[in-house]
Amino acid sequence: MKFEIYTDSAGEFRFRIRATNGNILVSSQGYKQKASAKNAIETIKAKAADAETIEVDS
């Protein structure tokens, strides 16, 4: 899995998480500053170890 930062058509910075098979798993909101997008990525990386998996009945 990898994080990609890019600029959208409105000039905002976004990131996406891409799986090893190339599929996009997540796309972020737009950020005015690249540093904000990078901070969001670092937060996700730091919190991922604490993430839990839950099953929801539908």
PDB file of N, CA and C in Angstrom:
ATOM      1  N   MET A   1       0.854  -1.160   0.000  1.00  0.00           N
ATOM      2  CA  MET A   1       0.000   0.000   0.000  1.00  0.00           C
ATOM      3  C   MET A   1       0.899   1.222   0.000  1.00  0.00           C
ATOM      4  N   LYS A   2       0.445   2.272  -0.708  1.00  0.00           N
ATOM      5  CA  LYS A   2       1.217   3.505  -0.728  1.00  0.00           C
ATOM      6  C   LYS A   2       0.290   4.711  -0.748  1.00  0.00           C
ATOM      7  N   PHE A   3       0.808   5.827  -0.267  1.00  0.00           N
ATOM      8  CA  PHE A   3       0.098   7.092  -0.268  1.00  0.00           C
ATOM      9  C   PHE A   3       0.601   7.923  -1.439  1.00  0.00           C
ATOM     10  N   GLU A   4      -0.314   8.546  -2.160  1.00  0.00           N
ATOM     11  CA  GLU A   4       0.037   9.420  -3.275  1.00  0.00           C
ATOM     12  C   GLU A   4      -0.578  10.787  -3.009  1.00  0.00           C
ATOM     13  N   ILE A   5       0.231  11.831  -3.101  1.00  0.00           N
ATOM     14  CA  ILE A   5      -0.272  13.202  -2.976  1.00  0.00           C
ATOM     15  C   ILE A   5      -0.346  13.787  -4.381  1.00  0.00           C
ATOM     16  N   TYR A   6      -1.459  14.452  -4.665  1.00  0.00           N
ATOM     17  CA  TYR A   6      -1.627  15.065  -5.981  1.00  0.00           C
ATOM     18  C   TYR A   6      -2.437  16.349  -5.851  1.00  0.00           C
ATOM     19  N   THR A   7      -2.446  17.139  -6.901  1.00  0.00           N
ATOM     20  CA  THR A   7      -3.217  18.377  -6.945  1.00  0.00           C
ATOM     21  C   THR A   7      -4.446  18.146  -7.812  1.00  0.00           C
ATOM     22  N   ASP A   8      -5.625  18.507  -7.279  1.00  0.00           N
ATOM     23  CA  ASP A   8      -6.853  18.294  -8.043  1.00  0.00           C
ATOM     24  C   ASP A   8      -7.122  19.465  -8.984  1.00  0.00           C
ATOM     25  N   SER A   9      -8.209  19.413  -9.711  1.00  0.00           N
ATOM     26  CA  SER A   9      -8.519  20.437 -10.710  1.00  0.00           C
ATOM     27  C   SER A   9      -8.818  21.800 -10.091  1.00  0.00           C
ATOM     28  N   ALA A  10      -9.143  21.828  -8.795  1.00  0.00           N
ATOM     29  CA  ALA A  10      -9.397  23.090  -8.100  1.00  0.00           C
ATOM     30  C   ALA A  10      -8.122  23.664  -7.475  1.00  0.00           C
ATOM     31  N   GLY A  11      -6.998  22.968  -7.670  1.00  0.00           N
ATOM     32  CA  GLY A  11      -5.730  23.439  -7.132  1.00  0.00           C
ATOM     33  C   GLY A  11      -5.479  23.042  -5.681  1.00  0.00           C
ATOM     34  N   GLU A  12      -6.318  22.160  -5.139  1.00  0.00           N
ATOM     35  CA  GLU A  12      -6.125  21.700  -3.773  1.00  0.00           C
ATOM     36  C   GLU A  12      -5.315  20.405  -3.771  1.00  0.00           C
ATOM     37  N   PHE A  13      -4.657  20.169  -2.644  1.00  0.00           N
ATOM     38  CA  PHE A  13      -3.872  18.953  -2.482  1.00  0.00           C
ATOM     39  C   PHE A  13      -4.756  17.855  -1.907  1.00  0.00           C
ATOM     40  N   ARG A  14      -4.626  16.686  -2.453  1.00  0.00           N
ATOM     41  CA  ARG A  14      -5.361  15.515  -1.989  1.00  0.00           C
ATOM     42  C   ARG A  14      -4.388  14.353  -1.909  1.00  0.00           C
ATOM     43  N   PHE A  15      -4.778  13.332  -1.188  1.00  0.00           N
ATOM     44  CA  PHE A  15      -3.989  12.110  -1.213  1.00  0.00           C
ATOM     45  C   PHE A  15      -4.928  10.944  -1.416  1.00  0.00           C
ATOM     46  N   ARG A  16      -4.363   9.882  -1.899  1.00  0.00           N
ATOM     47  CA  ARG A  16      -5.111   8.640  -2.031  1.00  0.00           C
ATOM     48  C   ARG A  16      -4.214   7.521  -1.534  1.00  0.00           C
ATOM     49  N   ILE A  17      -4.872   6.482  -1.075  1.00  0.00           N
ATOM     50  CA  ILE A  17      -4.154   5.283  -0.667  1.00  0.00           C
ATOM     51  C   ILE A  17      -4.388   4.249  -1.755  1.00  0.00           C
ATOM     52  N   ARG A  18      -3.290   3.750  -2.292  1.00  0.00           N
ATOM     53  CA  ARG A  18      -3.376   2.792  -3.381  1.00  0.00           C
ATOM     54  C   ARG A  18      -2.876   1.430  -2.900  1.00  0.00           C
ATOM     55  N   ALA A  19      -3.657   0.400  -3.190  1.00  0.00           N
ATOM     56  CA  ALA A  19      -3.286  -0.975  -2.821  1.00  0.00           C
ATOM     57  C   ALA A  19      -2.144  -1.454  -3.709  1.00  0.00           C
ATOM     58  N   THR A  20      -1.507  -2.533  -3.298  1.00  0.00           N
ATOM     59  CA  THR A  20      -0.394  -3.074  -4.080  1.00  0.00           C
ATOM     60  C   THR A  20      -0.823  -3.538  -5.474  1.00  0.00           C
ATOM     61  N   ASN A  21      -2.114  -3.829  -5.642  1.00  0.00           N
ATOM     62  CA  ASN A  21      -2.601  -4.239  -6.969  1.00  0.00           C
ATOM     63  C   ASN A  21      -2.976  -3.039  -7.847  1.00  0.00           C
ATOM     64  N   GLY A  22      -2.786  -1.823  -7.313  1.00  0.00           N
ATOM     65  CA  GLY A  22      -3.057  -0.611  -8.089  1.00  0.00           C
ATOM     66  C   GLY A  22      -4.408   0.024  -7.841  1.00  0.00           C
ATOM     67  N   ASN A  23      -5.302  -0.681  -7.169  1.00  0.00           N
ATOM     68  CA  ASN A  23      -6.630  -0.122  -6.888  1.00  0.00           C
ATOM     69  C   ASN A  23      -6.538   0.993  -5.858  1.00  0.00           C
ATOM     70  N   ILE A  24      -7.364   2.029  -6.040  1.00  0.00           N
ATOM     71  CA  ILE A  24      -7.442   3.112  -5.070  1.00  0.00           C
ATOM     72  C   ILE A  24      -8.398   2.684  -3.961  1.00  0.00           C
ATOM     73  N   LEU A  25      -7.894   2.694  -2.728  1.00  0.00           N
ATOM     74  CA  LEU A  25      -8.692   2.291  -1.574  1.00  0.00           C
ATOM     75  C   LEU A  25      -9.405   3.476  -0.946  1.00  0.00           C
ATOM     76  N   VAL A  26      -8.737   4.623  -0.880  1.00  0.00           N
ATOM     77  CA  VAL A  26      -9.267   5.811  -0.206  1.00  0.00           C
ATOM     78  C   VAL A  26      -8.798   7.049  -0.958  1.00  0.00           C
ATOM     79  N   SER A  27      -9.678   8.037  -1.080  1.00  0.00           N
ATOM     80  CA  SER A  27      -9.311   9.360  -1.585  1.00  0.00           C
ATOM     81  C   SER A  27      -9.692  10.377  -0.518  1.00  0.00           C
ATOM     82  N   SER A  28      -8.823  11.333  -0.300  1.00  0.00           N
ATOM     83  CA  SER A  28      -9.041  12.306   0.774  1.00  0.00           C
ATOM     84  C   SER A  28      -9.858  13.511   0.316  1.00  0.00           C
ATOM     85  N   GLN A  29     -10.167  14.324   1.286  1.00  0.00           N
ATOM     86  CA  GLN A  29     -10.738  15.639   1.020  1.00  0.00           C
ATOM     87  C   GLN A  29      -9.627  16.519   0.451  1.00  0.00           C
ATOM     88  N   GLY A  30      -9.972  17.718  -0.014  1.00  0.00           N
ATOM     89  CA  GLY A  30      -8.981  18.655  -0.516  1.00  0.00           C
ATOM     90  C   GLY A  30      -8.380  19.475   0.619  1.00  0.00           C
ATOM     91  N   TYR A  31      -7.099  19.769   0.508  1.00  0.00           N
ATOM     92  CA  TYR A  31      -6.382  20.598   1.475  1.00  0.00           C
ATOM     93  C   TYR A  31      -5.762  21.781   0.745  1.00  0.00           C
ATOM     94  N   LYS A  32      -5.818  22.948   1.348  1.00  0.00           N
ATOM     95  CA  LYS A  32      -5.241  24.154   0.737  1.00  0.00           C
ATOM     96  C   LYS A  32      -3.715  24.087   0.714  1.00  0.00           C
ATOM     97  N   GLN A  33      -3.128  23.432   1.710  1.00  0.00           N
ATOM     98  CA  GLN A  33      -1.672  23.362   1.813  1.00  0.00           C
ATOM     99  C   GLN A  33      -1.209  21.909   1.743  1.00  0.00           C
ATOM    100  N   LYS A  34      -0.115  21.695   1.045  1.00  0.00           N
ATOM    101  CA  LYS A  34       0.438  20.348   0.926  1.00  0.00           C
ATOM    102  C   LYS A  34       0.809  19.794   2.304  1.00  0.00           C
ATOM    103  N   ALA A  35       1.299  20.662   3.180  1.00  0.00           N
ATOM    104  CA  ALA A  35       1.683  20.220   4.525  1.00  0.00           C
ATOM    105  C   ALA A  35       0.492  19.630   5.273  1.00  0.00           C
ATOM    106  N   SER A  36      -0.694  20.157   5.050  1.00  0.00           N
ATOM    107  CA  SER A  36      -1.896  19.627   5.706  1.00  0.00           C
ATOM    108  C   SER A  36      -2.213  18.216   5.219  1.00  0.00           C
ATOM    109  N   ALA A  37      -2.037  17.992   3.931  1.00  0.00           N
ATOM    110  CA  ALA A  37      -2.249  16.638   3.382  1.00  0.00           C
ATOM    111  C   ALA A  37      -1.213  15.676   3.959  1.00  0.00           C
ATOM    112  N   LYS A  38       0.032  16.125   4.062  1.00  0.00           N
ATOM    113  CA  LYS A  38       1.087  15.285   4.632  1.00  0.00           C
ATOM    114  C   LYS A  38       0.810  14.984   6.103  1.00  0.00           C
ATOM    115  N   ASN A  39       0.322  15.964   6.842  1.00  0.00           N
ATOM    116  CA  ASN A  39      -0.026  15.748   8.252  1.00  0.00           C
ATOM    117  C   ASN A  39      -1.135  14.709   8.386  1.00  0.00           C
ATOM    118  N   ALA A  40      -2.125  14.774   7.509  1.00  0.00           N
ATOM    119  CA  ALA A  40      -3.218  13.801   7.549  1.00  0.00           C
ATOM    120  C   ALA A  40      -2.674  12.387   7.296  1.00  0.00           C
ATOM    121  N   ILE A  41      -1.760  12.260   6.355  1.00  0.00           N
ATOM    122  CA  ILE A  41      -1.153  10.959   6.067  1.00  0.00           C
ATOM    123  C   ILE A  41      -0.412  10.443   7.292  1.00  0.00           C
ATOM    124  N   GLU A  42       0.379  11.295   7.916  1.00  0.00           N
ATOM    125  CA  GLU A  42       1.138  10.875   9.100  1.00  0.00           C
ATOM    126  C   GLU A  42       0.214  10.479  10.246  1.00  0.00           C
ATOM    127  N   THR A  43      -0.910  11.168  10.397  1.00  0.00           N
ATOM    128  CA  THR A  43      -1.886  10.813  11.423  1.00  0.00           C
ATOM    129  C   THR A  43      -2.459   9.426  11.153  1.00  0.00           C
ATOM    130  N   ILE A  44      -2.795   9.165   9.907  1.00  0.00           N
ATOM    131  CA  ILE A  44      -3.323   7.845   9.549  1.00  0.00           C
ATOM    132  C   ILE A  44      -2.294   6.760   9.832  1.00  0.00           C
ATOM    133  N   LYS A  45      -1.055   7.000   9.446  1.00  0.00           N
ATOM    134  CA  LYS A  45      -0.003   6.016   9.694  1.00  0.00           C
ATOM    135  C   LYS A  45       0.168   5.747  11.190  1.00  0.00           C
ATOM    136  N   ALA A  46       0.144   6.804  11.982  1.00  0.00           N
ATOM    137  CA  ALA A  46       0.340   6.659  13.431  1.00  0.00           C
ATOM    138  C   ALA A  46      -0.832   5.945  14.089  1.00  0.00           C
ATOM    139  N   LYS A  47      -2.032   6.206  13.637  1.00  0.00           N
ATOM    140  CA  LYS A  47      -3.229   5.623  14.246  1.00  0.00           C
ATOM    141  C   LYS A  47      -3.560   4.230  13.723  1.00  0.00           C
ATOM    142  N   ALA A  48      -3.010   3.848  12.585  1.00  0.00           N
ATOM    143  CA  ALA A  48      -3.347   2.563  11.974  1.00  0.00           C
ATOM    144  C   ALA A  48      -3.031   1.389  12.891  1.00  0.00           C
ATOM    145  N   ALA A  49      -1.973   1.504  13.663  1.00  0.00           N
ATOM    146  CA  ALA A  49      -1.607   0.413  14.578  1.00  0.00           C
ATOM    147  C   ALA A  49      -2.656   0.221  15.668  1.00  0.00           C
ATOM    148  N   ASP A  50      -3.375   1.284  15.988  1.00  0.00           N
ATOM    149  CA  ASP A  50      -4.403   1.226  17.027  1.00  0.00           C
ATOM    150  C   ASP A  50      -5.789   0.871  16.478  1.00  0.00           C
ATOM    151  N   ALA A  51      -5.886   0.744  15.170  1.00  0.00           N
ATOM    152  CA  ALA A  51      -7.193   0.513  14.551  1.00  0.00           C
ATOM    153  C   ALA A  51      -7.734  -0.858  14.916  1.00  0.00           C
ATOM    154  N   GLU A  52      -9.031  -0.930  15.068  1.00  0.00           N
ATOM    155  CA  GLU A  52      -9.667  -2.206  15.345  1.00  0.00           C
ATOM    156  C   GLU A  52     -10.610  -2.564  14.200  1.00  0.00           C
ATOM    157  N   THR A  53     -10.883  -3.811  14.089  1.00  0.00           N
ATOM    158  CA  THR A  53     -11.828  -4.293  13.091  1.00  0.00           C
ATOM    159  C   THR A  53     -13.104  -4.709  13.804  1.00  0.00           C
ATOM    160  N   ILE A  54     -14.226  -4.219  13.293  1.00  0.00           N
ATOM    161  CA  ILE A  54     -15.502  -4.593  13.865  1.00  0.00           C
ATOM    162  C   ILE A  54     -16.390  -5.148  12.764  1.00  0.00           C
ATOM    163  N   GLU A  55     -17.303  -5.995  13.142  1.00  0.00           N
ATOM    164  CA  GLU A  55     -18.281  -6.526  12.186  1.00  0.00           C
ATOM    165  C   GLU A  55     -19.619  -5.893  12.498  1.00  0.00           C
ATOM    166  N   VAL A  56     -20.255  -5.394  11.459  1.00  0.00           N
ATOM    167  CA  VAL A  56     -21.560  -4.744  11.608  1.00  0.00           C
ATOM    168  C   VAL A  56     -22.591  -5.570  10.865  1.00  0.00           C
ATOM    169  N   ASP A  57     -23.621  -5.942  11.553  1.00  0.00           N
ATOM    170  CA  ASP A  57     -24.700  -6.680  10.900  1.00  0.00           C
ATOM    171  C   ASP A  57     -25.506  -5.721  10.038  1.00  0.00           C
ATOM    172  N   SER A  58     -25.842  -6.152   8.854  1.00  0.00           N
ATOM    173  CA  SER A  58     -26.623  -5.271   7.979  1.00  0.00           C
ATOM    174  C   SER A  58     -28.053  -5.699   7.900  1.00  0.00           C
TER     175      SER A  58
END
